[in-house]
Each structure stands twice: as C-alpha cells, then as structure tokens.
PDB file of N, CA and C in Angstrom:
ATOM      1  N   MET A   1     130.825  92.777  75.690  1.00  0.00           N
ATOM      2  CA  MET A   1     131.368  93.635  76.890  1.00  0.00           C
ATOM      3  C   MET A   1     131.456  92.925  78.078  1.00  0.00           C
ATOM      4  N   LEU A   2     132.495  93.349  78.894  1.00  0.00           N
ATOM      5  CA  LEU A   2     132.780  92.622  79.965  1.00  0.00           C
ATOM      6  C   LEU A   2     131.946  93.444  81.078  1.00  0.00           C
ATOM      7  N   ASN A   3     131.474  92.743  82.078  1.00  0.00           N
ATOM      8  CA  ASN A   3     130.851  93.272  83.212  1.00  0.00           C
ATOM      9  C   ASN A   3     131.746  93.233  84.465  1.00  0.00           C
ATOM     10  N   PHE A   4     131.858  94.296  85.128  1.00  0.00           N
ATOM     11  CA  PHE A   4     132.801  94.301  86.185  1.00  0.00           C
ATOM     12  C   PHE A   4     131.951  94.733  87.404  1.00  0.00           C
ATOM     13  N   SER A   5     131.870  93.802  88.511  1.00  0.00           N
ATOM     14  CA  SER A   5     131.153  94.031  89.692  1.00  0.00           C
ATOM     15  C   SER A   5     131.751  95.117  90.592  1.00  0.00           C
ATOM     16  N   ASP A   6     130.756  95.738  91.284  1.00  0.00           N
ATOM     17  CA  ASP A   6     131.471  96.498  92.397  1.00  0.00           C
ATOM     18  C   ASP A   6     132.322  96.061  93.197  1.00  0.00           C
ATOM     19  N   ASP A   7     131.952  94.801  93.571  1.00  0.00           N
ATOM     20  CA  ASP A   7     132.958  94.082  94.692  1.00  0.00           C
ATOM     21  C   ASP A   7     134.296  93.808  93.884  1.00  0.00           C
ATOM     22  N   GLU A   8     134.436  93.533  92.622  1.00  0.00           N
ATOM     23  CA  GLU A   8     135.652  93.196  92.000  1.00  0.00           C
ATOM     24  C   GLU A   8     136.472  94.435  91.911  1.00  0.00           C
ATOM     25  N   ILE A   9     135.958  95.660  91.622  1.00  0.00           N
ATOM     26  CA  ILE A   9     136.493  96.883  91.451  1.00  0.00           C
ATOM     27  C   ILE A   9     136.954  97.258  92.966  1.00  0.00           C
ATOM     28  N   LEU A  10     136.041  97.141  93.991  1.00  0.00           N
ATOM     29  CA  LEU A  10     136.479  97.303  95.469  1.00  0.00           C
ATOM     30  C   LEU A  10     137.660  96.553  95.798  1.00  0.00           C
ATOM     31  N   GLU A  11     137.644  95.093  95.552  1.00  0.00           N
ATOM     32  CA  GLU A  11     138.766  94.279  95.813  1.00  0.00           C
ATOM     33  C   GLU A  11     140.133  94.634  95.061  1.00  0.00           C
ATOM     34  N   PHE A  12     140.103  95.254  94.021  1.00  0.00           N
ATOM     35  CA  PHE A  12     141.237  95.663  93.168  1.00  0.00           C
ATOM     36  C   PHE A  12     141.809  96.935  93.826  1.00  0.00           C
ATOM     37  N   GLN A  13     140.822  97.843  94.140  1.00  0.00           N
ATOM     38  CA  GLN A  13     141.343  98.989  94.863  1.00  0.00           C
ATOM     39  C   GLN A  13     141.947  98.865  96.368  1.00  0.00           C
ATOM     40  N   ASP A  14     141.135  97.737  97.019  1.00  0.00           N
ATOM     41  CA  ASP A  14     141.769  97.307  98.414  1.00  0.00           C
ATOM     42  C   ASP A  14     143.115  96.834  98.181  1.00  0.00           C
ATOM     43  N   LYS A  15     143.428  96.184  97.155  1.00  0.00           N
ATOM     44  CA  LYS A  15     144.733  95.411  96.821  1.00  0.00           C
ATOM     45  C   LYS A  15     145.803  96.727  96.988  1.00  0.00           C
ATOM     46  N   ILE A  16     145.461  97.769  96.174  1.00  0.00           N
ATOM     47  CA  ILE A  16     146.528  98.884  95.789  1.00  0.00           C
ATOM     48  C   ILE A  16     146.618  99.644  97.215  1.00  0.00           C
ATOM     49  N   SER A  17     145.369  99.760  97.866  1.00  0.00           N
ATOM     50  CA  SER A  17     145.453 100.680  99.129  1.00  0.00           C
ATOM     51  C   SER A  17     146.119 100.104 100.134  1.00  0.00           C
ATOM     52  N   ASN A  18     146.020  98.741 100.197  1.00  0.00           N
ATOM     53  CA  ASN A  18     147.022  98.089 101.343  1.00  0.00           C
ATOM     54  C   ASN A  18     148.368  97.847 100.896  1.00  0.00           C
ATOM     55  N   ASN A  19     148.603  97.771  99.741  1.00  0.00           N
ATOM     56  CA  ASN A  19     150.042  97.958  99.340  1.00  0.00           C
ATOM     57  C   ASN A  19     150.633  99.311  99.746  1.00  0.00           C
ATOM     58  N   ILE A  20     150.002 100.368  99.300  1.00  0.00           N
ATOM     59  CA  ILE A  20     150.502 101.684  99.515  1.00  0.00           C
ATOM     60  C   ILE A  20     150.713 101.784 100.934  1.00  0.00           C
ATOM     61  N   LYS A  21     149.769 101.201 101.771  1.00  0.00           N
ATOM     62  CA  LYS A  21     149.898 101.496 103.322  1.00  0.00           C
ATOM     63  C   LYS A  21     151.146 100.756 103.702  1.00  0.00           C
ATOM     64  N   GLN A  22     151.137  99.536 103.308  1.00  0.00           N
ATOM     65  CA  GLN A  22     152.293  98.639 103.896  1.00  0.00           C
ATOM     66  C   GLN A  22     153.745  99.171 103.463  1.00  0.00           C
ATOM     67  N   LEU A  23     153.679  99.767 102.150  1.00  0.00           N
ATOM     68  CA  LEU A  23     155.071 100.291 101.870  1.00  0.00           C
ATOM     69  C   LEU A  23     155.428 101.649 102.505  1.00  0.00           C
ATOM     70  N   ARG A  24     154.203 102.473 102.953  1.00  0.00           N
ATOM     71  CA  ARG A  24     154.487 103.586 103.834  1.00  0.00           C
ATOM     72  C   ARG A  24     155.043 103.262 105.186  1.00  0.00           C
ATOM     73  N   LEU A  25     154.414 102.095 105.752  1.00  0.00           N
ATOM     74  CA  LEU A  25     154.661 101.803 107.211  1.00  0.00           C
ATOM     75  C   LEU A  25     155.996 101.029 107.076  1.00  0.00           C
ATOM     76  N   ASN A  26     156.423 100.361 105.989  1.00  0.00           N
ATOM     77  CA  ASN A  26     157.877  99.832 106.073  1.00  0.00           C
ATOM     78  C   ASN A  26     158.781 100.926 105.959  1.00  0.00           C
ATOM     79  N   LYS A  27     158.517 102.089 105.471  1.00  0.00           N
ATOM     80  CA  LYS A  27     159.353 103.187 105.473  1.00  0.00           C
ATOM     81  C   LYS A  27     159.372 104.009 106.577  1.00  0.00           C
ATOM     82  N   LYS A  28     158.451 103.661 107.524  1.00  0.00           N
ATOM     83  CA  LYS A  28     158.309 104.376 108.797  1.00  0.00           C
ATOM     84  C   LYS A  28     157.971 105.649 108.629  1.00  0.00           C
ATOM     85  N   MET A  29     156.864 105.925 107.769  1.00  0.00           N
ATOM     86  CA  MET A  29     156.320 107.173 107.437  1.00  0.00           C
ATOM     87  C   MET A  29     154.969 107.258 107.886  1.00  0.00           C
ATOM     88  N   THR A  30     154.668 108.470 108.148  1.00  0.00           N
ATOM     89  CA  THR A  30     153.274 108.928 108.746  1.00  0.00           C
ATOM     90  C   THR A  30     152.562 109.255 107.418  1.00  0.00           C
ATOM     91  N   GLN A  31     151.395 109.237 107.516  1.00  0.00           N
ATOM     92  CA  GLN A  31     150.417 109.845 106.351  1.00  0.00           C
ATOM     93  C   GLN A  31     150.828 111.197 105.914  1.00  0.00           C
ATOM     94  N   LEU A  32     151.188 112.117 107.061  1.00  0.00           N
ATOM     95  CA  LEU A  32     151.690 113.461 106.772  1.00  0.00           C
ATOM     96  C   LEU A  32     153.114 113.464 106.043  1.00  0.00           C
ATOM     97  N   ASP A  33     153.835 112.543 106.462  1.00  0.00           N
ATOM     98  CA  ASP A  33     155.265 112.637 106.042  1.00  0.00           C
ATOM     99  C   ASP A  33     155.086 112.221 104.520  1.00  0.00           C
ATOM    100  N   LEU A  34     154.307 111.306 104.286  1.00  0.00           N
ATOM    101  CA  LEU A  34     154.145 110.987 102.648  1.00  0.00           C
ATOM    102  C   LEU A  34     153.560 111.942 101.896  1.00  0.00           C
ATOM    103  N   SER A  35     152.703 112.544 102.711  1.00  0.00           N
ATOM    104  CA  SER A  35     151.877 113.758 101.925  1.00  0.00           C
ATOM    105  C   SER A  35     152.945 114.874 101.588  1.00  0.00           C
ATOM    106  N   ILE A  36     153.835 115.133 102.569  1.00  0.00           N
ATOM    107  CA  ILE A  36     154.776 116.397 102.417  1.00  0.00           C
ATOM    108  C   ILE A  36     155.803 115.981 101.230  1.00  0.00           C
ATOM    109  N   GLU A  37     156.166 114.658 101.220  1.00  0.00           N
ATOM    110  CA  GLU A  37     157.056 114.077 100.059  1.00  0.00           C
ATOM    111  C   GLU A  37     156.395 114.399  98.855  1.00  0.00           C
ATOM    112  N   LEU A  38     155.054 114.049  98.708  1.00  0.00           N
ATOM    113  CA  LEU A  38     154.307 114.323  97.308  1.00  0.00           C
ATOM    114  C   LEU A  38     154.149 115.831  97.203  1.00  0.00           C
ATOM    115  N   GLY A  39     154.383 116.580  98.110  1.00  0.00           N
ATOM    116  CA  GLY A  39     154.123 118.052  97.662  1.00  0.00           C
ATOM    117  C   GLY A  39     152.775 118.452  98.122  1.00  0.00           C
ATOM    118  N   LEU A  40     151.971 117.690  99.084  1.00  0.00           N
ATOM    119  CA  LEU A  40     150.645 118.105  99.408  1.00  0.00           C
ATOM    120  C   LEU A  40     150.689 118.836 100.772  1.00  0.00           C
ATOM    121  N   ARG A  41     149.764 119.635 101.030  1.00  0.00           N
ATOM    122  CA  ARG A  41     149.461 120.408 102.301  1.00  0.00           C
ATOM    123  C   ARG A  41     149.146 119.606 103.489  1.00  0.00           C
ATOM    124  N   ASN A  42     148.301 118.530 103.314  1.00  0.00           N
ATOM    125  CA  ASN A  42     147.753 117.696 104.509  1.00  0.00           C
ATOM    126  C   ASN A  42     147.618 116.311 104.071  1.00  0.00           C
ATOM    127  N   SER A  43     147.310 115.379 104.941  1.00  0.00           N
ATOM    128  CA  SER A  43     147.336 114.165 104.689  1.00  0.00           C
ATOM    129  C   SER A  43     145.983 113.426 104.250  1.00  0.00           C
ATOM    130  N   SER A  44     144.986 114.419 104.022  1.00  0.00           N
ATOM    131  CA  SER A  44     143.844 113.780 103.391  1.00  0.00           C
ATOM    132  C   SER A  44     143.801 112.833 102.303  1.00  0.00           C
ATOM    133  N   PHE A  45     144.733 113.387 101.281  1.00  0.00           N
ATOM    134  CA  PHE A  45     144.727 112.621 100.023  1.00  0.00           C
ATOM    135  C   PHE A  45     145.329 111.022 100.289  1.00  0.00           C
ATOM    136  N   ILE A  46     146.329 111.087 101.182  1.00  0.00           N
ATOM    137  CA  ILE A  46     146.945 109.887 101.500  1.00  0.00           C
ATOM    138  C   ILE A  46     145.901 108.933 102.520  1.00  0.00           C
ATOM    139  N   SER A  47     145.125 109.618 103.248  1.00  0.00           N
ATOM    140  CA  SER A  47     144.221 108.857 103.947  1.00  0.00           C
ATOM    141  C   SER A  47     142.983 108.091 103.123  1.00  0.00           C
ATOM    142  N   HIS A  48     142.689 108.843 102.088  1.00  0.00           N
ATOM    143  CA  HIS A  48     141.726 108.559 101.128  1.00  0.00           C
ATOM    144  C   HIS A  48     142.343 107.348 100.286  1.00  0.00           C
ATOM    145  N   VAL A  49     143.539 107.379  99.739  1.00  0.00           N
ATOM    146  CA  VAL A  49     144.238 106.494  98.937  1.00  0.00           C
ATOM    147  C   VAL A  49     144.268 105.257  99.839  1.00  0.00           C
ATOM    148  N   GLU A  50     144.519 105.292 101.212  1.00  0.00           N
ATOM    149  CA  GLU A  50     144.605 104.021 101.841  1.00  0.00           C
ATOM    150  C   GLU A  50     143.298 103.389 102.416  1.00  0.00           C
ATOM    151  N   ASN A  51     142.229 104.107 102.028  1.00  0.00           N
ATOM    152  CA  ASN A  51     140.830 103.557 102.367  1.00  0.00           C
ATOM    153  C   ASN A  51     140.022 103.576 101.106  1.00  0.00           C
ATOM    154  N   PRO A  52     140.007 102.450 100.407  1.00  0.00           N
ATOM    155  CA  PRO A  52     139.324 102.319  99.197  1.00  0.00           C
ATOM    156  C   PRO A  52     137.652 102.444  99.476  1.00  0.00           C
ATOM    157  N   LYS A  53     137.250 102.518 100.636  1.00  0.00           N
ATOM    158  CA  LYS A  53     135.717 102.622 100.804  1.00  0.00           C
ATOM    159  C   LYS A  53     135.238 104.088 100.819  1.00  0.00           C
ATOM    160  N   ILE A  54     136.231 105.019 101.043  1.00  0.00           N
ATOM    161  CA  ILE A  54     135.892 106.328 100.982  1.00  0.00           C
ATOM    162  C   ILE A  54     135.399 106.620  99.518  1.00  0.00           C
ATOM    163  N   PRO A  55     134.207 107.332  99.290  1.00  0.00           N
ATOM    164  CA  PRO A  55     133.523 107.599  98.101  1.00  0.00           C
ATOM    165  C   PRO A  55     134.628 108.561  97.100  1.00  0.00           C
ATOM    166  N   THR A  56     135.495 109.199  97.907  1.00  0.00           N
ATOM    167  CA  THR A  56     136.355 110.172  96.959  1.00  0.00           C
ATOM    168  C   THR A  56     137.698 109.414  96.635  1.00  0.00           C
ATOM    169  N   HIS A  57     137.921 108.215  96.913  1.00  0.00           N
ATOM    170  CA  HIS A  57     139.029 107.207  96.719  1.00  0.00           C
ATOM    171  C   HIS A  57     139.337 107.227  95.170  1.00  0.00           C
ATOM    172  N   HIS A  58     140.214 108.168  94.742  1.00  0.00           N
ATOM    173  CA  HIS A  58     140.643 108.247  93.324  1.00  0.00           C
ATOM    174  C   HIS A  58     142.129 108.633  93.298  1.00  0.00           C
ATOM    175  N   TYR A  59     142.748 107.954  92.486  1.00  0.00           N
ATOM    176  CA  TYR A  59     144.304 108.343  92.286  1.00  0.00           C
ATOM    177  C   TYR A  59     144.423 108.112  90.782  1.00  0.00           C
ATOM    178  N   SER A  60     145.459 108.846  90.210  1.00  0.00           N
ATOM    179  CA  SER A  60     145.737 108.647  89.020  1.00  0.00           C
ATOM    180  C   SER A  60     147.149 107.811  88.792  1.00  0.00           C
ATOM    181  N   ILE A  61     147.502 107.291  87.622  1.00  0.00           N
ATOM    182  CA  ILE A  61     148.805 106.665  87.315  1.00  0.00           C
ATOM    183  C   ILE A  61     149.774 107.679  87.673  1.00  0.00           C
ATOM    184  N   VAL A  62     149.827 109.042  87.609  1.00  0.00           N
ATOM    185  CA  VAL A  62     150.688 109.937  87.973  1.00  0.00           C
ATOM    186  C   VAL A  62     150.965 109.819  89.598  1.00  0.00           C
ATOM    187  N   HIS A  63     149.835 109.813  90.352  1.00  0.00           N
ATOM    188  CA  HIS A  63     150.029 109.596  91.792  1.00  0.00           C
ATOM    189  C   HIS A  63     150.782 108.362  91.943  1.00  0.00           C
ATOM    190  N   LEU A  64     150.420 107.191  91.341  1.00  0.00           N
ATOM    191  CA  LEU A  64     151.098 105.933  91.447  1.00  0.00           C
ATOM    192  C   LEU A  64     152.620 106.001  91.067  1.00  0.00           C
ATOM    193  N   TYR A  65     152.806 106.628  90.088  1.00  0.00           N
ATOM    194  CA  TYR A  65     154.284 107.028  89.579  1.00  0.00           C
ATOM    195  C   TYR A  65     154.991 107.825  90.889  1.00  0.00           C
ATOM    196  N   LYS A  66     154.389 108.747  91.384  1.00  0.00           N
ATOM    197  CA  LYS A  66     155.193 109.395  92.311  1.00  0.00           C
ATOM    198  C   LYS A  66     155.245 108.688  93.514  1.00  0.00           C
ATOM    199  N   LEU A  67     154.272 107.877  93.874  1.00  0.00           N
ATOM    200  CA  LEU A  67     154.361 107.078  95.182  1.00  0.00           C
ATOM    201  C   LEU A  67     155.667 106.026  95.045  1.00  0.00           C
ATOM    202  N   SER A  68     155.644 105.509  93.743  1.00  0.00           N
ATOM    203  CA  SER A  68     156.671 104.484  93.495  1.00  0.00           C
ATOM    204  C   SER A  68     157.952 105.161  93.704  1.00  0.00           C
ATOM    205  N   LYS A  69     158.223 106.337  93.231  1.00  0.00           N
ATOM    206  CA  LYS A  69     159.622 106.998  93.389  1.00  0.00           C
ATOM    207  C   LYS A  69     159.896 107.419  94.870  1.00  0.00           C
ATOM    208  N   VAL A  70     158.875 107.725  95.448  1.00  0.00           N
ATOM    209  CA  VAL A  70     158.983 107.909  97.019  1.00  0.00           C
ATOM    210  C   VAL A  70     159.516 106.641  97.747  1.00  0.00           C
ATOM    211  N   PHE A  71     158.689 105.629  97.297  1.00  0.00           N
ATOM    212  CA  PHE A  71     158.975 104.255  98.037  1.00  0.00           C
ATOM    213  C   PHE A  71     160.110 103.476  97.581  1.00  0.00           C
ATOM    214  N   GLU A  72     160.583 103.954  96.509  1.00  0.00           N
ATOM    215  CA  GLU A  72     162.074 103.384  95.611  1.00  0.00           C
ATOM    216  C   GLU A  72     161.491 101.921  95.091  1.00  0.00           C
ATOM    217  N   VAL A  73     160.268 101.824  94.642  1.00  0.00           N
ATOM    218  CA  VAL A  73     159.826 100.496  94.149  1.00  0.00           C
ATOM    219  C   VAL A  73     159.474 100.751  92.698  1.00  0.00           C
ATOM    220  N   GLU A  74     159.388  99.587  92.024  1.00  0.00           N
ATOM    221  CA  GLU A  74     158.629  99.700  90.556  1.00  0.00           C
ATOM    222  C   GLU A  74     157.105  99.768  90.824  1.00  0.00           C
ATOM    223  N   ILE A  75     156.495 100.376  89.868  1.00  0.00           N
ATOM    224  CA  ILE A  75     155.132 100.624  89.991  1.00  0.00           C
ATOM    225  C   ILE A  75     154.224  99.464  90.280  1.00  0.00           C
ATOM    226  N   GLU A  76     154.662  98.370  89.486  1.00  0.00           N
ATOM    227  CA  GLU A  76     153.818  97.160  89.575  1.00  0.00           C
ATOM    228  C   GLU A  76     153.660  96.532  91.045  1.00  0.00           C
ATOM    229  N   GLU A  77     154.682  97.032  91.923  1.00  0.00           N
ATOM    230  CA  GLU A  77     154.439  96.558  93.194  1.00  0.00           C
ATOM    231  C   GLU A  77     153.066  96.800  94.028  1.00  0.00           C
ATOM    232  N   PHE A  78     152.299  97.969  93.381  1.00  0.00           N
ATOM    233  CA  PHE A  78     150.978  98.208  94.139  1.00  0.00           C
ATOM    234  C   PHE A  78     150.017  97.239  93.588  1.00  0.00           C
ATOM    235  N   PHE A  79     150.357  96.427  92.449  1.00  0.00           N
ATOM    236  CA  PHE A  79     149.308  95.609  91.962  1.00  0.00           C
ATOM    237  C   PHE A  79     149.418  94.172  92.149  1.00  0.00           C
ATOM    238  N   LYS A  80     150.451  93.995  93.245  1.00  0.00           N
ATOM    239  CA  LYS A  80     150.706  92.559  93.594  1.00  0.00           C
ATOM    240  C   LYS A  80     149.882  92.183  94.720  1.00  0.00           C
TER     241      LYS A  80
END
C-alpha cells in the first residue's frame, strides 16, 4: 500500500487551486462572477477552492468539469 504524505496532497491541491485562480484571472472574472456562472449564490465556494489551506477545501470532478466549461479549457489544464 502506498503512503501519501499530507505535504504531497497539499502540493497537489495547491497546483489545482493555483491553476483555477489563474484561469479565472485570465478571464478577468471575480470570484463572485465565477460563482454566478456556476449557479452559486456567493463566492465562498470559489474562495475555498482557490485556497487549499482551508480545511473545507473540497471539490468534486463535477466541479472541475463545470469549471472547465466556464473557462473553455480541457479538464486536464487543472492538473498541469
């Protein structure tokens, strides 16, 4: 069985978070703009997505799929 360190997981989440933030900024969108595009009522979800150090930092493959559609990129862009 493989062991995954907390640092390794945090680094992986940080990469995704940074990519999401950069894509949002490239589109000149605020966190609220992006939240509205996703059908959310406020920006707290996006705030948490962009900050992997927040304990409630969780998103699903469905969230990443929706984000890829809003940003008009392939989903693998989040993992580069």
